[in-house]
PDB file of N, CA and C in Angstrom:
ATOM      1  N   MET A   1     -99.770-136.894 -79.290  1.00  0.00           N
ATOM      2  CA  MET A   1    -100.149-138.038 -80.117  1.00  0.00           C
ATOM      3  C   MET A   1     -99.165-138.174 -81.279  1.00  0.00           C
ATOM      4  N   LEU A   2     -98.795-139.382 -81.554  1.00  0.00           N
ATOM      5  CA  LEU A   2     -97.861-139.644 -82.644  1.00  0.00           C
ATOM      6  C   LEU A   2     -98.542-139.435 -83.988  1.00  0.00           C
ATOM      7  N   ASP A   3     -97.781-138.924 -84.955  1.00  0.00           N
ATOM      8  CA  ASP A   3     -98.363-138.806 -86.282  1.00  0.00           C
ATOM      9  C   ASP A   3     -98.337-140.180 -86.955  1.00  0.00           C
ATOM     10  N   LEU A   4     -98.966-140.270 -88.095  1.00  0.00           N
ATOM     11  CA  LEU A   4     -99.133-141.547 -88.778  1.00  0.00           C
ATOM     12  C   LEU A   4     -97.787-142.198 -89.086  1.00  0.00           C
ATOM     13  N   LYS A   5     -96.824-141.411 -89.566  1.00  0.00           N
ATOM     14  CA  LYS A   5     -95.515-141.969 -89.900  1.00  0.00           C
ATOM     15  C   LYS A   5     -94.854-142.578 -88.660  1.00  0.00           C
ATOM     16  N   ASP A   6     -94.946-141.885 -87.539  1.00  0.00           N
ATOM     17  CA  ASP A   6     -94.357-142.405 -86.304  1.00  0.00           C
ATOM     18  C   ASP A   6     -95.050-143.693 -85.859  1.00  0.00           C
ATOM     19  N   GLN A   7     -96.357-143.745 -86.022  1.00  0.00           N
ATOM     20  CA  GLN A   7     -97.092-144.954 -85.641  1.00  0.00           C
ATOM     21  C   GLN A   7     -96.705-146.144 -86.522  1.00  0.00           C
ATOM     22  N   VAL A   8     -96.586-145.902 -87.830  1.00  0.00           N
ATOM     23  CA  VAL A   8     -96.190-146.976 -88.741  1.00  0.00           C
ATOM     24  C   VAL A   8     -94.752-147.399 -88.432  1.00  0.00           C
ATOM     25  N   ARG A   9     -93.880-146.442 -88.170  1.00  0.00           N
ATOM     26  CA  ARG A   9     -92.493-146.751 -87.807  1.00  0.00           C
ATOM     27  C   ARG A   9     -92.452-147.613 -86.541  1.00  0.00           C
ATOM     28  N   ASP A  10     -93.293-147.280 -85.564  1.00  0.00           N
ATOM     29  CA  ASP A  10     -93.341-148.062 -84.327  1.00  0.00           C
ATOM     30  C   ASP A  10     -93.797-149.492 -84.576  1.00  0.00           C
ATOM     31  N   ILE A  11     -94.743-149.663 -85.483  1.00  0.00           N
ATOM     32  CA  ILE A  11     -95.184-151.011 -85.834  1.00  0.00           C
ATOM     33  C   ILE A  11     -94.035-151.789 -86.452  1.00  0.00           C
ATOM     34  N   LEU A  12     -93.314-151.160 -87.379  1.00  0.00           N
ATOM     35  CA  LEU A  12     -92.158-151.833 -87.987  1.00  0.00           C
ATOM     36  C   LEU A  12     -91.116-152.181 -86.931  1.00  0.00           C
ATOM     37  N   ARG A  13     -90.875-151.255 -86.004  1.00  0.00           N
ATOM     38  CA  ARG A  13     -89.912-151.490 -84.921  1.00  0.00           C
ATOM     39  C   ARG A  13     -90.303-152.735 -84.128  1.00  0.00           C
ATOM     40  N   ASP A  14     -91.584-152.798 -83.748  1.00  0.00           N
ATOM     41  CA  ASP A  14     -92.058-153.897 -82.910  1.00  0.00           C
ATOM     42  C   ASP A  14     -92.109-155.227 -83.656  1.00  0.00           C
ATOM     43  N   VAL A  15     -92.738-155.224 -84.825  1.00  0.00           N
ATOM     44  CA  VAL A  15     -92.943-156.475 -85.563  1.00  0.00           C
ATOM     45  C   VAL A  15     -91.625-157.049 -86.078  1.00  0.00           C
ATOM     46  N   LEU A  16     -90.743-156.171 -86.548  1.00  0.00           N
ATOM     47  CA  LEU A  16     -89.476-156.635 -87.128  1.00  0.00           C
ATOM     48  C   LEU A  16     -88.332-156.650 -86.123  1.00  0.00           C
ATOM     49  N   SER A  17     -88.604-156.246 -84.904  1.00  0.00           N
ATOM     50  CA  SER A  17     -87.572-156.181 -83.849  1.00  0.00           C
ATOM     51  C   SER A  17     -86.374-155.360 -84.312  1.00  0.00           C
ATOM     52  N   LEU A  18     -86.646-154.159 -84.822  1.00  0.00           N
ATOM     53  CA  LEU A  18     -85.591-153.304 -85.355  1.00  0.00           C
ATOM     54  C   LEU A  18     -84.864-152.507 -84.276  1.00  0.00           C
ATOM     55  N   GLY A  19     -85.459-152.372 -83.110  1.00  0.00           N
ATOM     56  CA  GLY A  19     -84.827-151.594 -82.046  1.00  0.00           C
ATOM     57  C   GLY A  19     -84.539-150.171 -82.497  1.00  0.00           C
ATOM     58  N   ASN A  20     -83.370-149.671 -82.136  1.00  0.00           N
ATOM     59  CA  ASN A  20     -82.988-148.292 -82.464  1.00  0.00           C
ATOM     60  C   ASN A  20     -82.832-148.044 -83.960  1.00  0.00           C
ATOM     61  N   ARG A  21     -82.653-149.104 -84.748  1.00  0.00           N
ATOM     62  CA  ARG A  21     -82.530-148.926 -86.201  1.00  0.00           C
ATOM     63  C   ARG A  21     -83.772-148.271 -86.783  1.00  0.00           C
ATOM     64  N   ALA A  22     -84.913-148.494 -86.167  1.00  0.00           N
ATOM     65  CA  ALA A  22     -86.164-147.908 -86.665  1.00  0.00           C
ATOM     66  C   ALA A  22     -86.139-146.394 -86.596  1.00  0.00           C
ATOM     67  N   ASP A  23     -85.378-145.843 -85.653  1.00  0.00           N
ATOM     68  CA  ASP A  23     -85.306-144.384 -85.508  1.00  0.00           C
ATOM     69  C   ASP A  23     -84.711-143.717 -86.737  1.00  0.00           C
ATOM     70  N   ARG A  24     -83.940-144.450 -87.502  1.00  0.00           N
ATOM     71  CA  ARG A  24     -83.303-143.892 -88.702  1.00  0.00           C
ATOM     72  C   ARG A  24     -84.193-143.975 -89.945  1.00  0.00           C
ATOM     73  N   LEU A  25     -85.344-144.620 -89.816  1.00  0.00           N
ATOM     74  CA  LEU A  25     -86.240-144.735 -90.959  1.00  0.00           C
ATOM     75  C   LEU A  25     -86.966-143.419 -91.187  1.00  0.00           C
ATOM     76  N   ASP A  26     -86.853-142.904 -92.409  1.00  0.00           N
ATOM     77  CA  ASP A  26     -87.625-141.730 -92.792  1.00  0.00           C
ATOM     78  C   ASP A  26     -88.480-142.093 -93.997  1.00  0.00           C
ATOM     79  N   SER A  27     -89.202-141.149 -94.527  1.00  0.00           N
ATOM     80  CA  SER A  27     -90.148-141.431 -95.610  1.00  0.00           C
ATOM     81  C   SER A  27     -89.502-142.083 -96.823  1.00  0.00           C
ATOM     82  N   SER A  28     -88.245-141.756 -97.095  1.00  0.00           N
ATOM     83  CA  SER A  28     -87.591-142.310 -98.280  1.00  0.00           C
ATOM     84  C   SER A  28     -86.849-143.617 -98.005  1.00  0.00           C
ATOM     85  N   SER A  29     -86.859-144.077 -96.768  1.00  0.00           N
ATOM     86  CA  SER A  29     -86.147-145.308 -96.421  1.00  0.00           C
ATOM     87  C   SER A  29     -86.771-146.516 -97.102  1.00  0.00           C
ATOM     88  N   ALA A  30     -85.944-147.260 -97.814  1.00  0.00           N
ATOM     89  CA  ALA A  30     -86.412-148.462 -98.488  1.00  0.00           C
ATOM     90  C   ALA A  30     -86.760-149.540 -97.465  1.00  0.00           C
ATOM     91  N   LEU A  31     -87.802-150.286 -97.748  1.00  0.00           N
ATOM     92  CA  LEU A  31     -88.224-151.366 -96.856  1.00  0.00           C
ATOM     93  C   LEU A  31     -88.009-152.719 -97.516  1.00  0.00           C
ATOM     94  N   LEU A  32     -88.886-153.069 -98.438  1.00  0.00           N
ATOM     95  CA  LEU A  32     -88.838-154.387 -99.069  1.00  0.00           C
ATOM     96  C   LEU A  32     -87.549-154.536 -99.866  1.00  0.00           C
ATOM     97  N   GLY A  33     -86.781-155.537 -99.533  1.00  0.00           N
ATOM     98  CA  GLY A  33     -85.501-155.769-100.196  1.00  0.00           C
ATOM     99  C   GLY A  33     -84.340-155.098 -99.500  1.00  0.00           C
ATOM    100  N   ALA A  34     -84.622-154.125 -98.630  1.00  0.00           N
ATOM    101  CA  ALA A  34     -83.564-153.413 -97.919  1.00  0.00           C
ATOM    102  C   ALA A  34     -83.460-153.860 -96.462  1.00  0.00           C
ATOM    103  N   LEU A  35     -84.559-154.282 -95.897  1.00  0.00           N
ATOM    104  CA  LEU A  35     -84.562-154.772 -94.516  1.00  0.00           C
ATOM    105  C   LEU A  35     -84.637-156.302 -94.548  1.00  0.00           C
ATOM    106  N   PRO A  36     -83.572-156.977 -94.178  1.00  0.00           N
ATOM    107  CA  PRO A  36     -83.601-158.440 -94.213  1.00  0.00           C
ATOM    108  C   PRO A  36     -84.695-159.035 -93.327  1.00  0.00           C
ATOM    109  N   GLU A  37     -85.098-158.295 -92.304  1.00  0.00           N
ATOM    110  CA  GLU A  37     -86.154-158.779 -91.415  1.00  0.00           C
ATOM    111  C   GLU A  37     -87.520-158.807 -92.093  1.00  0.00           C
ATOM    112  N   LEU A  38     -87.674-158.048 -93.171  1.00  0.00           N
ATOM    113  CA  LEU A  38     -88.968-157.949 -93.849  1.00  0.00           C
ATOM    114  C   LEU A  38     -89.067-159.015 -94.938  1.00  0.00           C
ATOM    115  N   ASP A  39     -89.260-160.263 -94.493  1.00  0.00           N
ATOM    116  CA  ASP A  39     -89.463-161.358 -95.434  1.00  0.00           C
ATOM    117  C   ASP A  39     -90.962-161.582 -95.612  1.00  0.00           C
ATOM    118  N   SER A  40     -91.331-162.595 -96.360  1.00  0.00           N
ATOM    119  CA  SER A  40     -92.750-162.797 -96.678  1.00  0.00           C
ATOM    120  C   SER A  40     -93.599-163.032 -95.430  1.00  0.00           C
ATOM    121  N   MET A  41     -93.076-163.748 -94.457  1.00  0.00           N
ATOM    122  CA  MET A  41     -93.825-163.976 -93.221  1.00  0.00           C
ATOM    123  C   MET A  41     -93.972-162.674 -92.428  1.00  0.00           C
ATOM    124  N   ALA A  42     -92.932-161.864 -92.422  1.00  0.00           N
ATOM    125  CA  ALA A  42     -92.980-160.594 -91.701  1.00  0.00           C
ATOM    126  C   ALA A  42     -93.966-159.635 -92.355  1.00  0.00           C
ATOM    127  N   VAL A  43     -94.089-159.682 -93.671  1.00  0.00           N
ATOM    128  CA  VAL A  43     -95.059-158.826 -94.364  1.00  0.00           C
ATOM    129  C   VAL A  43     -96.455-159.106 -93.827  1.00  0.00           C
ATOM    130  N   VAL A  44     -96.785-160.374 -93.668  1.00  0.00           N
ATOM    131  CA  VAL A  44     -98.097-160.755 -93.143  1.00  0.00           C
ATOM    132  C   VAL A  44     -98.275-160.189 -91.734  1.00  0.00           C
ATOM    133  N   SER A  45     -97.245-160.284 -90.922  1.00  0.00           N
ATOM    134  CA  SER A  45     -97.315-159.769 -89.548  1.00  0.00           C
ATOM    135  C   SER A  45     -97.446-158.252 -89.515  1.00  0.00           C
ATOM    136  N   VAL A  46     -96.725-157.565 -90.395  1.00  0.00           N
ATOM    137  CA  VAL A  46     -96.814-156.106 -90.461  1.00  0.00           C
ATOM    138  C   VAL A  46     -98.223-155.691 -90.882  1.00  0.00           C
ATOM    139  N   ILE A  47     -98.764-156.333 -91.893  1.00  0.00           N
ATOM    140  CA  ILE A  47    -100.117-156.000 -92.362  1.00  0.00           C
ATOM    141  C   ILE A  47    -101.134-156.255 -91.254  1.00  0.00           C
ATOM    142  N   ALA A  48    -101.001-157.375 -90.549  1.00  0.00           N
ATOM    143  CA  ALA A  48    -101.920-157.682 -89.451  1.00  0.00           C
ATOM    144  C   ALA A  48    -101.825-156.622 -88.350  1.00  0.00           C
ATOM    145  N   ALA A  49    -100.623-156.189 -88.039  1.00  0.00           N
ATOM    146  CA  ALA A  49    -100.440-155.162 -87.015  1.00  0.00           C
ATOM    147  C   ALA A  49    -101.041-153.824 -87.461  1.00  0.00           C
ATOM    148  N   LEU A  50    -100.889-153.493 -88.738  1.00  0.00           N
ATOM    149  CA  LEU A  50    -101.491-152.268 -89.266  1.00  0.00           C
ATOM    150  C   LEU A  50    -103.016-152.343 -89.194  1.00  0.00           C
ATOM    151  N   GLU A  51    -103.566-153.496 -89.555  1.00  0.00           N
ATOM    152  CA  GLU A  51    -105.019-153.673 -89.485  1.00  0.00           C
ATOM    153  C   GLU A  51    -105.519-153.488 -88.050  1.00  0.00           C
ATOM    154  N   ASP A  52    -104.803-154.068 -87.109  1.00  0.00           N
ATOM    155  CA  ASP A  52    -105.201-153.957 -85.700  1.00  0.00           C
ATOM    156  C   ASP A  52    -105.092-152.524 -85.197  1.00  0.00           C
ATOM    157  N   ARG A  53    -103.961-151.891 -85.446  1.00  0.00           N
ATOM    158  CA  ARG A  53    -103.711-150.542 -84.900  1.00  0.00           C
ATOM    159  C   ARG A  53    -104.674-149.513 -85.474  1.00  0.00           C
ATOM    160  N   PHE A  54    -104.928-149.607 -86.791  1.00  0.00           N
ATOM    161  CA  PHE A  54    -105.718-148.563 -87.455  1.00  0.00           C
ATOM    162  C   PHE A  54    -107.154-148.979 -87.773  1.00  0.00           C
ATOM    163  N   ASP A  55    -107.526-150.188 -87.345  1.00  0.00           N
ATOM    164  CA  ASP A  55    -108.874-150.694 -87.582  1.00  0.00           C
ATOM    165  C   ASP A  55    -109.236-150.619 -89.066  1.00  0.00           C
ATOM    166  N   ILE A  56    -108.344-151.169 -89.885  1.00  0.00           N
ATOM    167  CA  ILE A  56    -108.549-151.212 -91.332  1.00  0.00           C
ATOM    168  C   ILE A  56    -108.543-152.666 -91.789  1.00  0.00           C
ATOM    169  N   THR A  57    -108.987-152.884 -93.007  1.00  0.00           N
ATOM    170  CA  THR A  57    -108.918-154.194 -93.631  1.00  0.00           C
ATOM    171  C   THR A  57    -108.100-154.056 -94.902  1.00  0.00           C
ATOM    172  N   VAL A  58    -107.120-154.930 -95.043  1.00  0.00           N
ATOM    173  CA  VAL A  58    -106.261-154.925 -96.223  1.00  0.00           C
ATOM    174  C   VAL A  58    -106.521-156.207 -97.000  1.00  0.00           C
ATOM    175  N   ASP A  59    -107.002-156.057 -98.224  1.00  0.00           N
ATOM    176  CA  ASP A  59    -107.258-157.212 -99.078  1.00  0.00           C
ATOM    177  C   ASP A  59    -105.938-157.713 -99.658  1.00  0.00           C
ATOM    178  N   ASP A  60    -105.883-159.002 -99.951  1.00  0.00           N
ATOM    179  CA  ASP A  60    -104.667-159.607-100.492  1.00  0.00           C
ATOM    180  C   ASP A  60    -104.170-158.900-101.746  1.00  0.00           C
ATOM    181  N   ASP A  61    -105.097-158.470-102.605  1.00  0.00           N
ATOM    182  CA  ASP A  61    -104.681-157.840-103.857  1.00  0.00           C
ATOM    183  C   ASP A  61    -104.160-156.414-103.651  1.00  0.00           C
ATOM    184  N   GLU A  62    -104.269-155.884-102.445  1.00  0.00           N
ATOM    185  CA  GLU A  62    -103.743-154.550-102.152  1.00  0.00           C
ATOM    186  C   GLU A  62    -102.286-154.594-101.695  1.00  0.00           C
ATOM    187  N   ILE A  63    -101.816-155.777-101.368  1.00  0.00           N
ATOM    188  CA  ILE A  63    -100.457-155.922-100.855  1.00  0.00           C
ATOM    189  C   ILE A  63     -99.538-156.214-102.034  1.00  0.00           C
ATOM    190  N   GLY A  64     -98.626-155.283-102.286  1.00  0.00           N
ATOM    191  CA  GLY A  64     -97.692-155.471-103.380  1.00  0.00           C
ATOM    192  C   GLY A  64     -96.395-154.764-103.073  1.00  0.00           C
ATOM    193  N   GLY A  65     -95.452-154.957-103.947  1.00  0.00           N
ATOM    194  CA  GLY A  65     -94.150-154.345-103.768  1.00  0.00           C
ATOM    195  C   GLY A  65     -94.209-152.834-103.669  1.00  0.00           C
ATOM    196  N   ALA A  66     -95.120-152.209-104.406  1.00  0.00           N
ATOM    197  CA  ALA A  66     -95.209-150.747-104.383  1.00  0.00           C
ATOM    198  C   ALA A  66     -95.638-150.238-103.011  1.00  0.00           C
ATOM    199  N   THR A  67     -96.492-150.987-102.350  1.00  0.00           N
ATOM    200  CA  THR A  67     -96.957-150.589-101.023  1.00  0.00           C
ATOM    201  C   THR A  67     -95.818-150.594-100.016  1.00  0.00           C
ATOM    202  N   LEU A  68     -94.908-151.549-100.160  1.00  0.00           N
ATOM    203  CA  LEU A  68     -93.832-151.731 -99.191  1.00  0.00           C
ATOM    204  C   LEU A  68     -92.477-151.253 -99.706  1.00  0.00           C
ATOM    205  N   THR A  69     -92.472-150.413-100.724  1.00  0.00           N
ATOM    206  CA  THR A  69     -91.223-149.905-101.279  1.00  0.00           C
ATOM    207  C   THR A  69     -90.448-149.084-100.260  1.00  0.00           C
ATOM    208  N   SER A  70     -91.146-148.200 -99.559  1.00  0.00           N
ATOM    209  CA  SER A  70     -90.490-147.311 -98.599  1.00  0.00           C
ATOM    210  C   SER A  70     -91.438-147.050 -97.433  1.00  0.00           C
ATOM    211  N   LEU A  71     -90.888-146.462 -96.394  1.00  0.00           N
ATOM    212  CA  LEU A  71     -91.741-146.076 -95.271  1.00  0.00           C
ATOM    213  C   LEU A  71     -92.810-145.103 -95.763  1.00  0.00           C
ATOM    214  N   GLY A  72     -92.426-144.181 -96.623  1.00  0.00           N
ATOM    215  CA  GLY A  72     -93.384-143.209 -97.158  1.00  0.00           C
ATOM    216  C   GLY A  72     -94.521-143.863 -97.923  1.00  0.00           C
ATOM    217  N   SER A  73     -94.219-144.855 -98.746  1.00  0.00           N
ATOM    218  CA  SER A  73     -95.276-145.519 -99.515  1.00  0.00           C
ATOM    219  C   SER A  73     -96.200-146.309 -98.600  1.00  0.00           C
ATOM    220  N   LEU A  74     -95.648-146.882 -97.546  1.00  0.00           N
ATOM    221  CA  LEU A  74     -96.480-147.617 -96.595  1.00  0.00           C
ATOM    222  C   LEU A  74     -97.374-146.656 -95.818  1.00  0.00           C
ATOM    223  N   VAL A  75     -96.843-145.521 -95.425  1.00  0.00           N
ATOM    224  CA  VAL A  75     -97.641-144.505 -94.722  1.00  0.00           C
ATOM    225  C   VAL A  75     -98.753-143.985 -95.640  1.00  0.00           C
ATOM    226  N   GLU A  76     -98.444-143.746 -96.900  1.00  0.00           N
ATOM    227  CA  GLU A  76     -99.466-143.286 -97.848  1.00  0.00           C
ATOM    228  C   GLU A  76    -100.572-144.316 -98.002  1.00  0.00           C
ATOM    229  N   PHE A  77    -100.188-145.586 -98.052  1.00  0.00           N
ATOM    230  CA  PHE A  77    -101.176-146.653 -98.156  1.00  0.00           C
ATOM    231  C   PHE A  77    -102.103-146.661 -96.949  1.00  0.00           C
ATOM    232  N   VAL A  78    -101.517-146.606 -95.753  1.00  0.00           N
ATOM    233  CA  VAL A  78    -102.327-146.602 -94.533  1.00  0.00           C
ATOM    234  C   VAL A  78    -103.225-145.371 -94.505  1.00  0.00           C
ATOM    235  N   SER A  79    -102.680-144.239 -94.913  1.00  0.00           N
ATOM    236  CA  SER A  79    -103.469-143.001 -94.939  1.00  0.00           C
ATOM    237  C   SER A  79    -104.671-143.143 -95.862  1.00  0.00           C
ATOM    238  N   SER A  80    -104.478-143.778 -97.005  1.00  0.00           N
ATOM    239  CA  SER A  80    -105.589-143.962 -97.948  1.00  0.00           C
ATOM    240  C   SER A  80    -106.661-144.890 -97.380  1.00  0.00           C
ATOM    241  N   LYS A  81    -106.248-145.813 -96.524  1.00  0.00           N
ATOM    242  CA  LYS A  81    -107.206-146.754 -95.926  1.00  0.00           C
ATOM    243  C   LYS A  81    -107.954-146.138 -94.745  1.00  0.00           C
ATOM    244  N   THR A  82    -107.370-145.123 -94.123  1.00  0.00           N
ATOM    245  CA  THR A  82    -107.990-144.536 -92.939  1.00  0.00           C
ATOM    246  C   THR A  82    -108.774-143.264 -93.256  1.00  0.00           C
ATOM    247  N   SER A  83    -108.703-142.805 -94.490  1.00  0.00           N
ATOM    248  CA  SER A  83    -109.399-141.557 -94.861  1.00  0.00           C
ATOM    249  C   SER A  83    -110.852-141.811 -95.161  1.00  0.00           C
TER     250      SER A  83
END
């Protein structure tokens, strides 16, 4: 079974069509502002995919730059929602 970071990375790979580039993403990899594919519309798609995969609900006020700063911050956010 994939760990949480791998699952979140896979979602980013699929939603943003990153292909093999996703394999280079680690916890410190910057997301928002660093990945041109991660625009405002893609953020909505990523959040929707996270909600579906992990059966969580993300309120609008929970989505901010800090959540999407890095792969690590996004994984921490998902972890807090699934605990």
